[in-house]
Amino acid sequence: QLRSPLESLGMEAASQANLGTRQYRIICIGETWYGSDARAAFAAFRRLGHSVHVLDENSYVSTQWQSTIARGLRKIFKPVFVNELKREAVMFATHFSPDCLFVFKGNWVHPQLIAFCRQKKIVAVNYYPDVSFLTHGSYIPKALPLYDRVFTTKSYGVGDMKRELGLQRSSFLPPGHDPELHRPVVLNEEDWKKYGCEVAFIGTWSPKKEGLLDSLCRFLPGVRLRIWGCQWNRSHSELLAQSIMGTEVTGDEYTKALCGSSICLGLLSEAGVG
């Protein structure tokens, strides 16, 4: 009941092999902006022929609110927003008769929703892609132990969840790719001016990443390096100052940034407090 759609998640080669298997009804909860991993997962289910209904978390609790006032309002009204998401999900779970509730991370998913699905014999699955399950709000550590299965993209995730939450039903699932996003594209002259480089890094700042990229510039002076992502204003490296582009790239622009570099580095986050 669970393995068929999940094991083939994101695997284009498996689509032909699954044409003759049962098609599932799946309620998905997660972000849907173009370039998000959640959207890629939901699209993979559809390509495999499953019936998918998506509830976009950002329609209930917006992560785009960045001003002090907006963030304050979000904090105050978060329980109301979370309850609205729960109410909508319960309604669809009641009328849609799904086989599976598939939650991508689930910052705003109330544990009561998972308990409801378990009571209704709906398989509840969480795909957890982040480094920590303790630093993204109070709902995640309470909800994760309730799922039928939690998939983590971190090799240490299974041990962490077992040790910290007593979670037994978890598995390591290596990351895949999004064929809509990770594809070759032809860059025009303007694109080459913006994205053309020898080495690129696309990701959020951290001390480890800053140190590695600073070392790269020291060992290869003059290397054409471009750094895209959030929080790079926290960098203190003078060598990196000219390479930091000061913004993130998503969607089609992310694809262009990949294709404009000879080498794109995959630097992972280091361990942090908590």
C-alpha atoms as a PDB file:
ATOM      1  CA  GLN A   1       0.000   0.000   0.000  1.00  0.00           C
ATOM      2  CA  LEU A   2       2.915   2.349   0.657  1.00  0.00           C
ATOM      3  CA  ARG A   3       5.981   1.189  -1.207  1.00  0.00           C
ATOM      4  CA  SER A   4       4.826   1.392  -4.828  1.00  0.00           C
ATOM      5  CA  PRO A   5       4.401   5.185  -5.200  1.00  0.00           C
ATOM      6  CA  LEU A   6       7.137   6.180  -2.787  1.00  0.00           C
ATOM      7  CA  GLU A   7       9.963   4.008  -4.031  1.00  0.00           C
ATOM      8  CA  SER A   8       9.448   5.399  -7.521  1.00  0.00           C
ATOM      9  CA  LEU A   9       9.325   9.003  -6.341  1.00  0.00           C
ATOM     10  CA  GLY A  10      11.238  11.196  -8.788  1.00  0.00           C
ATOM     11  CA  MET A  11      12.455   8.239 -10.861  1.00  0.00           C
ATOM     12  CA  GLU A  12      11.532   8.778 -14.478  1.00  0.00           C
ATOM     13  CA  ALA A  13      12.855   5.367 -15.419  1.00  0.00           C
ATOM     14  CA  ALA A  14      10.287   3.737 -13.154  1.00  0.00           C
ATOM     15  CA  SER A  15       7.293   5.348 -14.842  1.00  0.00           C
ATOM     16  CA  GLN A  16       6.926   2.702 -17.525  1.00  0.00           C
ATOM     17  CA  ALA A  17       7.241  -0.117 -15.010  1.00  0.00           C
ATOM     18  CA  ASN A  18       4.462   1.392 -12.891  1.00  0.00           C
ATOM     19  CA  LEU A  19       1.898   1.929 -15.651  1.00  0.00           C
ATOM     20  CA  GLY A  20       0.199  -1.335 -14.856  1.00  0.00           C
ATOM     21  CA  THR A  21       0.119  -0.945 -11.070  1.00  0.00           C
ATOM     22  CA  ARG A  22      -2.599   0.540  -8.930  1.00  0.00           C
ATOM     23  CA  GLN A  23      -3.162   4.288  -9.070  1.00  0.00           C
ATOM     24  CA  TYR A  24      -3.365   5.994  -5.680  1.00  0.00           C
ATOM     25  CA  ARG A  25      -5.237   8.992  -4.357  1.00  0.00           C
ATOM     26  CA  ILE A  26      -2.772  11.204  -2.506  1.00  0.00           C
ATOM     27  CA  ILE A  27      -3.285  14.387  -0.507  1.00  0.00           C
ATOM     28  CA  CYS A  28      -0.053  16.386  -0.576  1.00  0.00           C
ATOM     29  CA  ILE A  29       0.874  19.219   1.767  1.00  0.00           C
ATOM     30  CA  GLY A  30       3.827  21.472   0.996  1.00  0.00           C
ATOM     31  CA  GLU A  31       5.056  24.456  -0.987  1.00  0.00           C
ATOM     32  CA  THR A  32       4.253  24.745  -4.679  1.00  0.00           C
ATOM     33  CA  TRP A  33       6.514  27.542  -5.949  1.00  0.00           C
ATOM     34  CA  TYR A  34       8.422  26.582  -9.091  1.00  0.00           C
ATOM     35  CA  GLY A  35      11.751  25.142  -8.051  1.00  0.00           C
ATOM     36  CA  SER A  36      10.705  23.833  -4.635  1.00  0.00           C
ATOM     37  CA  ASP A  37      11.483  20.217  -3.817  1.00  0.00           C
ATOM     38  CA  ALA A  38       7.918  19.732  -2.609  1.00  0.00           C
ATOM     39  CA  ARG A  39       6.484  20.742  -5.963  1.00  0.00           C
ATOM     40  CA  ALA A  40       8.892  18.362  -7.697  1.00  0.00           C
ATOM     41  CA  ALA A  41       7.724  15.480  -5.493  1.00  0.00           C
ATOM     42  CA  PHE A  42       4.055  16.205  -6.168  1.00  0.00           C
ATOM     43  CA  ALA A  43       4.713  16.408  -9.915  1.00  0.00           C
ATOM     44  CA  ALA A  44       6.532  13.054  -9.775  1.00  0.00           C
ATOM     45  CA  PHE A  45       3.417  11.414  -8.336  1.00  0.00           C
ATOM     46  CA  ARG A  46       1.324  12.860 -11.158  1.00  0.00           C
ATOM     47  CA  ARG A  47       3.754  11.642 -13.818  1.00  0.00           C
ATOM     48  CA  LEU A  48       3.349   8.160 -12.365  1.00  0.00           C
ATOM     49  CA  GLY A  49      -0.394   8.382 -12.893  1.00  0.00           C
ATOM     50  CA  HIS A  50      -1.566   8.971  -9.327  1.00  0.00           C
ATOM     51  CA  SER A  51      -4.451  11.294  -8.427  1.00  0.00           C
ATOM     52  CA  VAL A  52      -2.996  14.174  -6.434  1.00  0.00           C
ATOM     53  CA  HIS A  53      -4.655  16.963  -4.474  1.00  0.00           C
ATOM     54  CA  VAL A  54      -2.242  19.604  -3.157  1.00  0.00           C
ATOM     55  CA  LEU A  55      -2.673  21.942  -0.204  1.00  0.00           C
ATOM     56  CA  ASP A  56      -0.069  24.708  -0.419  1.00  0.00           C
ATOM     57  CA  GLU A  57       1.160  25.624   3.083  1.00  0.00           C
ATOM     58  CA  ASN A  58       1.889  29.175   1.935  1.00  0.00           C
ATOM     59  CA  SER A  59      -1.815  29.686   1.248  1.00  0.00           C
ATOM     60  CA  TYR A  60      -2.397  29.312   4.987  1.00  0.00           C
ATOM     61  CA  VAL A  61       0.809  30.442   6.711  1.00  0.00           C
ATOM     62  CA  SER A  62       2.842  32.633   4.373  1.00  0.00           C
ATOM     63  CA  THR A  63       6.616  32.410   4.660  1.00  0.00           C
ATOM     64  CA  GLN A  64       6.918  35.415   2.342  1.00  0.00           C
ATOM     65  CA  TRP A  65       6.055  37.876   5.101  1.00  0.00           C
ATOM     66  CA  GLN A  66       9.434  39.329   6.070  1.00  0.00           C
ATOM     67  CA  SER A  67       8.688  42.753   7.571  1.00  0.00           C
ATOM     68  CA  THR A  68       8.700  43.037  11.355  1.00  0.00           C
ATOM     69  CA  ILE A  69       4.967  43.809  11.491  1.00  0.00           C
ATOM     70  CA  ALA A  70       4.015  40.976   9.135  1.00  0.00           C
ATOM     71  CA  ARG A  71       6.150  38.453  11.000  1.00  0.00           C
ATOM     72  CA  GLY A  72       4.619  39.583  14.278  1.00  0.00           C
ATOM     73  CA  LEU A  73       1.113  39.102  12.882  1.00  0.00           C
ATOM     74  CA  ARG A  74       2.057  35.671  11.576  1.00  0.00           C
ATOM     75  CA  LYS A  75       3.298  34.651  15.024  1.00  0.00           C
ATOM     76  CA  ILE A  76       0.127  35.891  16.714  1.00  0.00           C
ATOM     77  CA  PHE A  77      -2.286  34.283  14.272  1.00  0.00           C
ATOM     78  CA  LYS A  78      -0.260  31.139  13.491  1.00  0.00           C
ATOM     79  CA  PRO A  79      -2.561  28.840  15.515  1.00  0.00           C
ATOM     80  CA  VAL A  80      -5.535  30.151  13.516  1.00  0.00           C
ATOM     81  CA  PHE A  81      -3.753  29.590  10.193  1.00  0.00           C
ATOM     82  CA  VAL A  82      -2.623  26.101  11.218  1.00  0.00           C
ATOM     83  CA  ASN A  83      -6.162  25.173  12.214  1.00  0.00           C
ATOM     84  CA  GLU A  84      -7.437  26.356   8.823  1.00  0.00           C
ATOM     85  CA  LEU A  85      -4.940  24.074   7.086  1.00  0.00           C
ATOM     86  CA  LYS A  86      -5.984  21.194   9.362  1.00  0.00           C
ATOM     87  CA  ARG A  87      -9.674  21.837   8.703  1.00  0.00           C
ATOM     88  CA  GLU A  88      -9.175  21.891   4.929  1.00  0.00           C
ATOM     89  CA  ALA A  89      -7.065  18.722   5.000  1.00  0.00           C
ATOM     90  CA  VAL A  90      -9.610  16.869   7.146  1.00  0.00           C
ATOM     91  CA  MET A  91     -12.374  17.892   4.747  1.00  0.00           C
ATOM     92  CA  PHE A  92     -10.505  16.515   1.731  1.00  0.00           C
ATOM     93  CA  ALA A  93      -9.465  13.423   3.655  1.00  0.00           C
ATOM     94  CA  THR A  94     -13.133  12.804   4.392  1.00  0.00           C
ATOM     95  CA  HIS A  95     -14.516  13.382   0.881  1.00  0.00           C
ATOM     96  CA  PHE A  96     -11.516  12.512  -1.315  1.00  0.00           C
ATOM     97  CA  SER A  97     -11.045   9.043   0.255  1.00  0.00           C
ATOM     98  CA  PRO A  98      -7.249   9.160  -0.154  1.00  0.00           C
ATOM     99  CA  ASP A  99      -4.877   6.238   0.200  1.00  0.00           C
ATOM    100  CA  CYS A 100      -2.087   8.445   1.482  1.00  0.00           C
ATOM    101  CA  LEU A 101      -1.365  11.776   3.136  1.00  0.00           C
ATOM    102  CA  PHE A 102       2.038  12.909   1.875  1.00  0.00           C
ATOM    103  CA  VAL A 103       3.546  15.824   3.839  1.00  0.00           C
ATOM    104  CA  PHE A 104       6.700  17.532   2.634  1.00  0.00           C
ATOM    105  CA  LYS A 105       8.418  18.689   5.825  1.00  0.00           C
ATOM    106  CA  GLY A 106       5.217  20.012   7.405  1.00  0.00           C
ATOM    107  CA  ASN A 107       6.163  23.072   9.456  1.00  0.00           C
ATOM    108  CA  TRP A 108       2.493  23.970   9.867  1.00  0.00           C
ATOM    109  CA  VAL A 109       0.916  20.508   9.967  1.00  0.00           C
ATOM    110  CA  HIS A 110      -0.843  19.922  13.279  1.00  0.00           C
ATOM    111  CA  PRO A 111      -0.262  16.529  14.942  1.00  0.00           C
ATOM    112  CA  GLN A 112      -4.038  16.098  15.205  1.00  0.00           C
ATOM    113  CA  LEU A 113      -4.234  15.857  11.422  1.00  0.00           C
ATOM    114  CA  ILE A 114      -1.806  12.942  11.386  1.00  0.00           C
ATOM    115  CA  ALA A 115      -3.740  11.229  14.184  1.00  0.00           C
ATOM    116  CA  PHE A 116      -6.974  11.718  12.237  1.00  0.00           C
ATOM    117  CA  CYS A 117      -5.492  10.099   9.122  1.00  0.00           C
ATOM    118  CA  ARG A 118      -4.149   7.163  11.097  1.00  0.00           C
ATOM    119  CA  GLN A 119      -7.619   6.666  12.610  1.00  0.00           C
ATOM    120  CA  LYS A 120      -9.145   6.675   9.105  1.00  0.00           C
ATOM    121  CA  LYS A 121      -6.582   4.113   7.870  1.00  0.00           C
ATOM    122  CA  ILE A 122      -4.978   6.702   5.576  1.00  0.00           C
ATOM    123  CA  VAL A 123      -1.250   6.057   5.280  1.00  0.00           C
ATOM    124  CA  ALA A 124       0.568   9.137   6.598  1.00  0.00           C
ATOM    125  CA  VAL A 125       4.016   9.783   5.147  1.00  0.00           C
ATOM    126  CA  ASN A 126       6.490  12.598   5.792  1.00  0.00           C
ATOM    127  CA  TYR A 127       9.359  13.460   3.463  1.00  0.00           C
ATOM    128  CA  TYR A 128      11.747  15.470   5.625  1.00  0.00           C
ATOM    129  CA  PRO A 129      14.543  17.241   3.710  1.00  0.00           C
ATOM    130  CA  ASP A 130      15.938  19.587   6.352  1.00  0.00           C
ATOM    131  CA  VAL A 131      18.993  19.399   8.614  1.00  0.00           C
ATOM    132  CA  SER A 132      17.112  19.669  11.911  1.00  0.00           C
ATOM    133  CA  PHE A 133      13.635  18.700  13.079  1.00  0.00           C
ATOM    134  CA  LEU A 134      13.946  20.697  16.313  1.00  0.00           C
ATOM    135  CA  THR A 135      14.459  24.245  15.007  1.00  0.00           C
ATOM    136  CA  HIS A 136      11.447  24.752  12.732  1.00  0.00           C
ATOM    137  CA  GLY A 137       8.593  25.208  15.161  1.00  0.00           C
ATOM    138  CA  SER A 138       6.768  23.102  17.713  1.00  0.00           C
ATOM    139  CA  TYR A 139       4.573  21.056  15.391  1.00  0.00           C
ATOM    140  CA  ILE A 140       7.248  18.967  13.649  1.00  0.00           C
ATOM    141  CA  PRO A 141       8.751  17.140  16.675  1.00  0.00           C
ATOM    142  CA  LYS A 142       5.234  16.384  17.954  1.00  0.00           C
ATOM    143  CA  ALA A 143       3.920  15.183  14.590  1.00  0.00           C
ATOM    144  CA  LEU A 144       6.843  13.122  13.252  1.00  0.00           C
ATOM    145  CA  PRO A 145       6.391  10.180  15.667  1.00  0.00           C
ATOM    146  CA  LEU A 146       2.759   9.843  14.501  1.00  0.00           C
ATOM    147  CA  TYR A 147       3.509   9.170  10.828  1.00  0.00           C
ATOM    148  CA  ASP A 148       3.458   5.660   9.388  1.00  0.00           C
ATOM    149  CA  ARG A 149       6.809   6.436   7.758  1.00  0.00           C
ATOM    150  CA  VAL A 150       9.249   9.326   7.730  1.00  0.00           C
ATOM    151  CA  PHE A 151      11.791   9.613   4.918  1.00  0.00           C
ATOM    152  CA  THR A 152      14.876  11.744   5.584  1.00  0.00           C
ATOM    153  CA  THR A 153      17.375  12.961   3.003  1.00  0.00           C
ATOM    154  CA  LYS A 154      20.108  13.158   5.648  1.00  0.00           C
ATOM    155  CA  SER A 155      22.234  10.067   6.336  1.00  0.00           C
ATOM    156  CA  TYR A 156      22.285  10.937  10.054  1.00  0.00           C
ATOM    157  CA  GLY A 157      18.541  11.715  10.154  1.00  0.00           C
ATOM    158  CA  VAL A 158      17.380   8.215  11.064  1.00  0.00           C
ATOM    159  CA  GLY A 159      19.700   8.099  14.102  1.00  0.00           C
ATOM    160  CA  ASP A 160      18.823  11.634  15.183  1.00  0.00           C
ATOM    161  CA  MET A 161      15.077  11.003  15.126  1.00  0.00           C
ATOM    162  CA  LYS A 162      15.415   7.685  16.911  1.00  0.00           C
ATOM    163  CA  ARG A 163      17.589   9.206  19.630  1.00  0.00           C
ATOM    164  CA  GLU A 164      15.683  12.469  20.128  1.00  0.00           C
ATOM    165  CA  LEU A 165      12.098  11.430  19.371  1.00  0.00           C
ATOM    166  CA  GLY A 166      12.133   7.668  19.793  1.00  0.00           C
ATOM    167  CA  LEU A 167      11.016   7.407  16.175  1.00  0.00           C
ATOM    168  CA  GLN A 168      11.331   3.870  14.800  1.00  0.00           C
ATOM    169  CA  ARG A 169       9.503   4.188  11.460  1.00  0.00           C
ATOM    170  CA  SER A 170      12.053   6.173   9.437  1.00  0.00           C
ATOM    171  CA  SER A 171      14.236   5.549   6.393  1.00  0.00           C
ATOM    172  CA  PHE A 172      17.073   7.312   4.574  1.00  0.00           C
ATOM    173  CA  LEU A 173      16.051   8.348   1.050  1.00  0.00           C
ATOM    174  CA  PRO A 174      18.814   9.915  -1.088  1.00  0.00           C
ATOM    175  CA  PRO A 175      17.811  13.114  -2.914  1.00  0.00           C
ATOM    176  CA  GLY A 176      16.707  12.887  -6.527  1.00  0.00           C
ATOM    177  CA  HIS A 177      16.333  15.495  -9.236  1.00  0.00           C
ATOM    178  CA  ASP A 178      13.550  17.529 -10.798  1.00  0.00           C
ATOM    179  CA  PRO A 179      13.494  16.916 -14.578  1.00  0.00           C
ATOM    180  CA  GLU A 180      11.581  20.172 -15.079  1.00  0.00           C
ATOM    181  CA  LEU A 181      14.334  22.143 -13.356  1.00  0.00           C
ATOM    182  CA  HIS A 182      17.572  20.189 -13.745  1.00  0.00           C
ATOM    183  CA  ARG A 183      17.887  20.269 -17.502  1.00  0.00           C
ATOM    184  CA  PRO A 184      20.183  21.837 -20.090  1.00  0.00           C
ATOM    185  CA  VAL A 185      19.046  25.229 -21.392  1.00  0.00           C
ATOM    186  CA  VAL A 186      20.492  27.544 -24.027  1.00  0.00           C
ATOM    187  CA  LEU A 187      21.689  30.855 -22.583  1.00  0.00           C
ATOM    188  CA  ASN A 188      21.550  34.088 -24.573  1.00  0.00           C
ATOM    189  CA  GLU A 189      24.177  36.820 -24.428  1.00  0.00           C
ATOM    190  CA  GLU A 190      22.481  38.563 -21.514  1.00  0.00           C
ATOM    191  CA  ASP A 191      22.269  35.299 -19.577  1.00  0.00           C
ATOM    192  CA  TRP A 192      25.977  34.611 -20.098  1.00  0.00           C
ATOM    193  CA  LYS A 193      26.856  38.057 -18.748  1.00  0.00           C
ATOM    194  CA  LYS A 194      24.806  37.382 -15.643  1.00  0.00           C
ATOM    195  CA  TYR A 195      25.546  33.697 -15.017  1.00  0.00           C
ATOM    196  CA  GLY A 196      28.696  32.830 -16.943  1.00  0.00           C
ATOM    197  CA  CYS A 197      31.522  31.733 -14.622  1.00  0.00           C
ATOM    198  CA  GLU A 198      34.045  29.004 -13.959  1.00  0.00           C
ATOM    199  CA  VAL A 199      32.689  28.050 -10.524  1.00  0.00           C
ATOM    200  CA  ALA A 200      29.307  28.721  -8.930  1.00  0.00           C
ATOM    201  CA  PHE A 201      27.775  28.036  -5.564  1.00  0.00           C
ATOM    202  CA  ILE A 202      24.015  28.300  -5.031  1.00  0.00           C
ATOM    203  CA  GLY A 203      22.922  28.104  -1.415  1.00  0.00           C
ATOM    204  CA  THR A 204      22.482  29.816   1.927  1.00  0.00           C
ATOM    205  CA  TRP A 205      25.517  31.247   3.751  1.00  0.00           C
ATOM    206  CA  SER A 206      27.155  29.377   6.601  1.00  0.00           C
ATOM    207  CA  PRO A 207      30.611  29.743   8.224  1.00  0.00           C
ATOM    208  CA  LYS A 208      31.761  26.436   6.728  1.00  0.00           C
ATOM    209  CA  LYS A 209      30.723  27.403   3.200  1.00  0.00           C
ATOM    210  CA  GLU A 210      32.332  30.822   3.519  1.00  0.00           C
ATOM    211  CA  GLY A 211      35.587  29.221   4.676  1.00  0.00           C
ATOM    212  CA  LEU A 212      35.668  26.696   1.830  1.00  0.00           C
ATOM    213  CA  LEU A 213      34.959  29.297  -0.845  1.00  0.00           C
ATOM    214  CA  ASP A 214      37.493  31.697   0.671  1.00  0.00           C
ATOM    215  CA  SER A 215      40.100  28.919   0.491  1.00  0.00           C
ATOM    216  CA  LEU A 216      39.178  28.278  -3.130  1.00  0.00           C
ATOM    217  CA  CYS A 217      39.902  31.917  -3.979  1.00  0.00           C
ATOM    218  CA  ARG A 218      43.195  31.819  -2.088  1.00  0.00           C
ATOM    219  CA  PHE A 219      44.410  28.730  -3.930  1.00  0.00           C
ATOM    220  CA  LEU A 220      43.010  29.860  -7.306  1.00  0.00           C
ATOM    221  CA  PRO A 221      43.422  33.647  -7.406  1.00  0.00           C
ATOM    222  CA  GLY A 222      41.469  35.158 -10.251  1.00  0.00           C
ATOM    223  CA  VAL A 223      38.963  32.297 -10.489  1.00  0.00           C
ATOM    224  CA  ARG A 224      35.634  33.486 -11.872  1.00  0.00           C
ATOM    225  CA  LEU A 225      33.321  32.611  -8.980  1.00  0.00           C
ATOM    226  CA  ARG A 226      29.668  33.549  -8.505  1.00  0.00           C
ATOM    227  CA  ILE A 227      27.803  32.968  -5.253  1.00  0.00           C
ATOM    228  CA  TRP A 228      24.009  32.984  -5.224  1.00  0.00           C
ATOM    229  CA  GLY A 229      21.831  32.571  -2.136  1.00  0.00           C
ATOM    230  CA  CYS A 230      20.544  34.079   1.088  1.00  0.00           C
ATOM    231  CA  GLN A 231      22.379  35.563   4.093  1.00  0.00           C
ATOM    232  CA  TRP A 232      25.690  36.147   2.296  1.00  0.00           C
ATOM    233  CA  ASN A 233      25.664  39.658   3.764  1.00  0.00           C
ATOM    234  CA  ARG A 234      27.001  37.876   6.874  1.00  0.00           C
ATOM    235  CA  SER A 235      30.232  36.984   5.086  1.00  0.00           C
ATOM    236  CA  HIS A 236      33.421  38.687   6.334  1.00  0.00           C
ATOM    237  CA  SER A 237      35.667  37.443   3.536  1.00  0.00           C
ATOM    238  CA  GLU A 238      37.227  40.214   1.469  1.00  0.00           C
ATOM    239  CA  LEU A 239      38.144  37.674  -1.216  1.00  0.00           C
ATOM    240  CA  LEU A 240      34.494  36.744  -1.723  1.00  0.00           C
ATOM    241  CA  ALA A 241      33.090  40.273  -1.791  1.00  0.00           C
ATOM    242  CA  GLN A 242      33.143  40.554  -5.597  1.00  0.00           C
ATOM    243  CA  SER A 243      31.702  37.071  -6.085  1.00  0.00           C
ATOM    244  CA  ILE A 244      28.661  37.424  -3.844  1.00  0.00           C
ATOM    245  CA  MET A 245      25.705  38.309  -6.058  1.00  0.00           C
ATOM    246  CA  GLY A 246      23.489  39.279  -3.116  1.00  0.00           C
ATOM    247  CA  THR A 247      20.342  37.360  -4.042  1.00  0.00           C
ATOM    248  CA  GLU A 248      18.968  33.867  -4.436  1.00  0.00           C
ATOM    249  CA  VAL A 249      18.056  32.281  -7.768  1.00  0.00           C
ATOM    250  CA  THR A 250      15.011  30.058  -8.153  1.00  0.00           C
ATOM    251  CA  GLY A 251      13.011  28.415 -10.918  1.00  0.00           C
ATOM    252  CA  ASP A 252      14.273  29.024 -14.445  1.00  0.00           C
ATOM    253  CA  GLU A 253      16.944  31.435 -13.196  1.00  0.00           C
ATOM    254  CA  TYR A 254      18.350  28.641 -11.000  1.00  0.00           C
ATOM    255  CA  THR A 255      18.566  26.438 -14.089  1.00  0.00           C
ATOM    256  CA  LYS A 256      20.389  29.179 -15.980  1.00  0.00           C
ATOM    257  CA  ALA A 257      22.840  29.655 -13.101  1.00  0.00           C
ATOM    258  CA  LEU A 258      23.632  25.935 -13.202  1.00  0.00           C
ATOM    259  CA  CYS A 259      24.147  25.930 -16.953  1.00  0.00           C
ATOM    260  CA  GLY A 260      26.218  29.118 -16.912  1.00  0.00           C
ATOM    261  CA  SER A 261      28.912  27.623 -14.673  1.00  0.00           C
ATOM    262  CA  SER A 262      31.608  25.151 -15.653  1.00  0.00           C
ATOM    263  CA  ILE A 263      31.491  23.700 -12.130  1.00  0.00           C
ATOM    264  CA  CYS A 264      28.678  24.095  -9.601  1.00  0.00           C
ATOM    265  CA  LEU A 265      29.670  23.157  -6.064  1.00  0.00           C
ATOM    266  CA  GLY A 266      27.407  21.160  -3.744  1.00  0.00           C
ATOM    267  CA  LEU A 267      28.441  22.371  -0.305  1.00  0.00           C
ATOM    268  CA  LEU A 268      26.311  21.037   2.553  1.00  0.00           C
ATOM    269  CA  SER A 269      25.505  22.743   5.842  1.00  0.00           C
ATOM    270  CA  GLU A 270      27.575  21.941   8.907  1.00  0.00           C
ATOM    271  CA  ALA A 271      26.201  20.938  12.276  1.00  0.00           C
ATOM    272  CA  GLY A 272      24.818  23.779  14.355  1.00  0.00           C
ATOM    273  CA  VAL A 273      23.746  24.358  17.937  1.00  0.00           C
ATOM    274  CA  GLY A 274      20.513  22.438  18.541  1.00  0.00           C
END
